[in-house]
Amino acid sequence: MKPTDEYKASLSNATAFKLEYPEEKATTAARIYNVNENTIRTFLHRERQRDGPAVKRGGQNKILSDIQVEAIYKYVEDSYLSGYGATKAMVYTAVGCLKANQLPAKSPLT
C-alpha cells in the first residue's frame, strides 16, 4: 500500500480527473491513478452533499406550540423533583391532555 500522503495526492488527482471528464467512469480514474474506485465515488458524493443546498427533511408536523413545549418541560422537571421521573407514557399522556384542552379544540393524539 502507498504511503498516506502519496495516496491522498493520487486520490486528489483521480477526483480532479473525474471532475474534468464527467463522462468517464470512476473506474477509469481509479485505474489511471491506482486508487480504489469506491473511494473516488464516496469522495465525490460527499463533495456534492457539502456543496449542495441544505435540504430540510421533516419538521412540518409540529404538534405543540412553544408555550406548550415549555409546559411539558416544566411538567417533566416537576415530576423529576418529586422523585417520580418521567416516562415516555407520562409525557405522551401530558401532551394528549394539552391537545385535548386546546382552544379551539383539536382531537387528542391517537
C-alpha atoms as a PDB file:
ATOM      1  CA  MET A   1       0.000   0.000   0.000  1.00  0.00           C
ATOM      2  CA  LYS A   2       1.129   3.522  -0.732  1.00  0.00           C
ATOM      3  CA  PRO A   3       2.124   5.970   1.981  1.00  0.00           C
ATOM      4  CA  THR A   4      -0.736   8.171   3.136  1.00  0.00           C
ATOM      5  CA  ASP A   5       0.471  11.434   1.545  1.00  0.00           C
ATOM      6  CA  GLU A   6       1.111   9.752  -1.782  1.00  0.00           C
ATOM      7  CA  TYR A   7      -2.317   8.069  -1.702  1.00  0.00           C
ATOM      8  CA  LYS A   8      -4.014  11.373  -0.869  1.00  0.00           C
ATOM      9  CA  ALA A   9      -2.256  13.016  -3.797  1.00  0.00           C
ATOM     10  CA  SER A  10      -3.331  10.191  -6.107  1.00  0.00           C
ATOM     11  CA  LEU A  11      -6.894  10.422  -4.820  1.00  0.00           C
ATOM     12  CA  SER A  12      -6.879  14.169  -5.388  1.00  0.00           C
ATOM     13  CA  ASN A  13      -5.616  13.678  -8.948  1.00  0.00           C
ATOM     14  CA  ALA A  14      -8.205  10.970  -9.616  1.00  0.00           C
ATOM     15  CA  THR A  15     -11.084  13.122  -8.387  1.00  0.00           C
ATOM     16  CA  ALA A  16      -9.800  16.089 -10.403  1.00  0.00           C
ATOM     17  CA  PHE A  17      -9.692  13.826 -13.460  1.00  0.00           C
ATOM     18  CA  LYS A  18     -13.245  12.649 -12.816  1.00  0.00           C
ATOM     19  CA  LEU A  19     -14.483  16.228 -12.399  1.00  0.00           C
ATOM     20  CA  GLU A  20     -12.663  17.348 -15.549  1.00  0.00           C
ATOM     21  CA  TYR A  21     -14.052  14.439 -17.588  1.00  0.00           C
ATOM     22  CA  PRO A  22     -17.534  13.738 -16.169  1.00  0.00           C
ATOM     23  CA  GLU A  23     -18.350  11.302 -18.980  1.00  0.00           C
ATOM     24  CA  GLU A  24     -15.580   8.967 -17.781  1.00  0.00           C
ATOM     25  CA  LYS A  25     -16.326   6.413 -15.082  1.00  0.00           C
ATOM     26  CA  ALA A  26     -14.785   6.397 -11.614  1.00  0.00           C
ATOM     27  CA  THR A  27     -13.230   3.049 -12.523  1.00  0.00           C
ATOM     28  CA  THR A  28     -11.175   4.723 -15.255  1.00  0.00           C
ATOM     29  CA  ALA A  29      -9.808   7.356 -12.880  1.00  0.00           C
ATOM     30  CA  ALA A  30      -9.114   4.684 -10.272  1.00  0.00           C
ATOM     31  CA  ARG A  31      -7.091   2.588 -12.725  1.00  0.00           C
ATOM     32  CA  ILE A  32      -5.108   5.564 -14.024  1.00  0.00           C
ATOM     33  CA  TYR A  33      -4.138   6.793 -10.568  1.00  0.00           C
ATOM     34  CA  ASN A  34      -4.134   3.396  -8.801  1.00  0.00           C
ATOM     35  CA  VAL A  35      -6.716   4.202  -6.126  1.00  0.00           C
ATOM     36  CA  ASN A  36      -9.904   2.489  -5.002  1.00  0.00           C
ATOM     37  CA  GLU A  37     -12.864   3.394  -7.233  1.00  0.00           C
ATOM     38  CA  ASN A  38     -15.323   3.335  -4.314  1.00  0.00           C
ATOM     39  CA  THR A  39     -13.183   5.899  -2.539  1.00  0.00           C
ATOM     40  CA  ILE A  40     -13.483   8.220  -5.529  1.00  0.00           C
ATOM     41  CA  ARG A  41     -17.256   7.771  -5.667  1.00  0.00           C
ATOM     42  CA  THR A  42     -17.596   8.379  -1.932  1.00  0.00           C
ATOM     43  CA  PHE A  43     -15.385  11.465  -2.055  1.00  0.00           C
ATOM     44  CA  LEU A  44     -17.355  12.964  -4.956  1.00  0.00           C
ATOM     45  CA  HIS A  45     -20.685  12.121  -3.311  1.00  0.00           C
ATOM     46  CA  ARG A  46     -19.657  13.862  -0.087  1.00  0.00           C
ATOM     47  CA  GLU A  47     -18.447  16.892  -2.034  1.00  0.00           C
ATOM     48  CA  ARG A  48     -21.831  17.154  -3.776  1.00  0.00           C
ATOM     49  CA  GLN A  49     -23.649  16.878  -0.437  1.00  0.00           C
ATOM     50  CA  ARG A  50     -21.480  19.520   1.189  1.00  0.00           C
ATOM     51  CA  ASP A  51     -21.721  21.971  -1.711  1.00  0.00           C
ATOM     52  CA  GLY A  52     -25.410  21.451  -2.389  1.00  0.00           C
ATOM     53  CA  PRO A  53     -28.196  23.335  -0.662  1.00  0.00           C
ATOM     54  CA  ALA A  54     -29.121  22.121   2.783  1.00  0.00           C
ATOM     55  CA  VAL A  55     -32.253  20.039   2.440  1.00  0.00           C
ATOM     56  CA  LYS A  56     -34.532  20.172   5.425  1.00  0.00           C
ATOM     57  CA  ARG A  57     -36.440  16.978   5.971  1.00  0.00           C
ATOM     58  CA  GLY A  58     -39.445  16.852   8.219  1.00  0.00           C
ATOM     59  CA  GLY A  59     -40.357  19.415  10.829  1.00  0.00           C
ATOM     60  CA  GLN A  60     -43.679  20.366   9.273  1.00  0.00           C
ATOM     61  CA  ASN A  61     -45.700  18.197  11.633  1.00  0.00           C
ATOM     62  CA  LYS A  62     -45.253  20.141  14.850  1.00  0.00           C
ATOM     63  CA  ILE A  63     -47.983  19.276  17.301  1.00  0.00           C
ATOM     64  CA  LEU A  64     -47.148  21.642  20.157  1.00  0.00           C
ATOM     65  CA  SER A  65     -46.690  25.385  20.321  1.00  0.00           C
ATOM     66  CA  ASP A  66     -43.614  26.824  22.015  1.00  0.00           C
ATOM     67  CA  ILE A  67     -45.620  27.576  25.167  1.00  0.00           C
ATOM     68  CA  GLN A  68     -46.912  24.009  25.286  1.00  0.00           C
ATOM     69  CA  VAL A  69     -43.377  22.663  24.898  1.00  0.00           C
ATOM     70  CA  GLU A  70     -42.294  24.794  27.854  1.00  0.00           C
ATOM     71  CA  ALA A  71     -45.237  23.413  29.865  1.00  0.00           C
ATOM     72  CA  ILE A  72     -44.124  19.843  29.090  1.00  0.00           C
ATOM     73  CA  TYR A  73     -40.560  20.685  30.139  1.00  0.00           C
ATOM     74  CA  LYS A  74     -41.890  22.129  33.401  1.00  0.00           C
ATOM     75  CA  TYR A  75     -44.043  19.002  33.946  1.00  0.00           C
ATOM     76  CA  VAL A  76     -41.034  16.718  33.432  1.00  0.00           C
ATOM     77  CA  GLU A  77     -38.903  18.841  35.750  1.00  0.00           C
ATOM     78  CA  ASP A  78     -41.574  18.879  38.478  1.00  0.00           C
ATOM     79  CA  SER A  79     -42.062  15.139  38.136  1.00  0.00           C
ATOM     80  CA  TYR A  80     -38.309  14.573  38.437  1.00  0.00           C
ATOM     81  CA  LEU A  81     -38.015  16.802  41.503  1.00  0.00           C
ATOM     82  CA  SER A  82     -40.929  14.940  43.117  1.00  0.00           C
ATOM     83  CA  GLY A  83     -38.974  11.715  42.730  1.00  0.00           C
ATOM     84  CA  TYR A  84     -41.141  10.084  40.057  1.00  0.00           C
ATOM     85  CA  GLY A  85     -39.117  10.768  36.942  1.00  0.00           C
ATOM     86  CA  ALA A  86     -40.950  10.988  33.635  1.00  0.00           C
ATOM     87  CA  THR A  87     -41.580   8.016  31.393  1.00  0.00           C
ATOM     88  CA  LYS A  88     -42.495   8.237  27.732  1.00  0.00           C
ATOM     89  CA  ALA A  89     -46.041   7.215  28.595  1.00  0.00           C
ATOM     90  CA  MET A  90     -46.366  10.027  31.147  1.00  0.00           C
ATOM     91  CA  VAL A  91     -45.113  12.642  28.688  1.00  0.00           C
ATOM     92  CA  TYR A  92     -47.303  11.260  25.898  1.00  0.00           C
ATOM     93  CA  THR A  93     -50.365  11.445  28.171  1.00  0.00           C
ATOM     94  CA  ALA A  94     -49.496  15.020  29.159  1.00  0.00           C
ATOM     95  CA  VAL A  95     -49.208  16.011  25.503  1.00  0.00           C
ATOM     96  CA  GLY A  96     -52.569  14.343  24.815  1.00  0.00           C
ATOM     97  CA  CYS A  97     -54.185  16.320  27.658  1.00  0.00           C
ATOM     98  CA  LEU A  98     -52.713  19.577  26.361  1.00  0.00           C
ATOM     99  CA  LYS A  99     -54.036  18.868  22.874  1.00  0.00           C
ATOM    100  CA  ALA A 100     -57.482  17.843  24.183  1.00  0.00           C
ATOM    101  CA  ASN A 101     -57.846  21.052  26.214  1.00  0.00           C
ATOM    102  CA  GLN A 102     -56.553  23.306  23.444  1.00  0.00           C
ATOM    103  CA  LEU A 103     -58.762  26.137  22.161  1.00  0.00           C
ATOM    104  CA  PRO A 104     -60.060  25.728  19.504  1.00  0.00           C
ATOM    105  CA  ALA A 105     -60.492  22.085  20.395  1.00  0.00           C
ATOM    106  CA  LYS A 106     -58.451  19.626  18.377  1.00  0.00           C
ATOM    107  CA  SER A 107     -58.538  15.880  18.589  1.00  0.00           C
ATOM    108  CA  PRO A 108     -56.074  14.353  21.078  1.00  0.00           C
ATOM    109  CA  LEU A 109     -53.224  12.179  19.876  1.00  0.00           C
ATOM    110  CA  THR A 110     -54.131   8.670  18.828  1.00  0.00           C
END
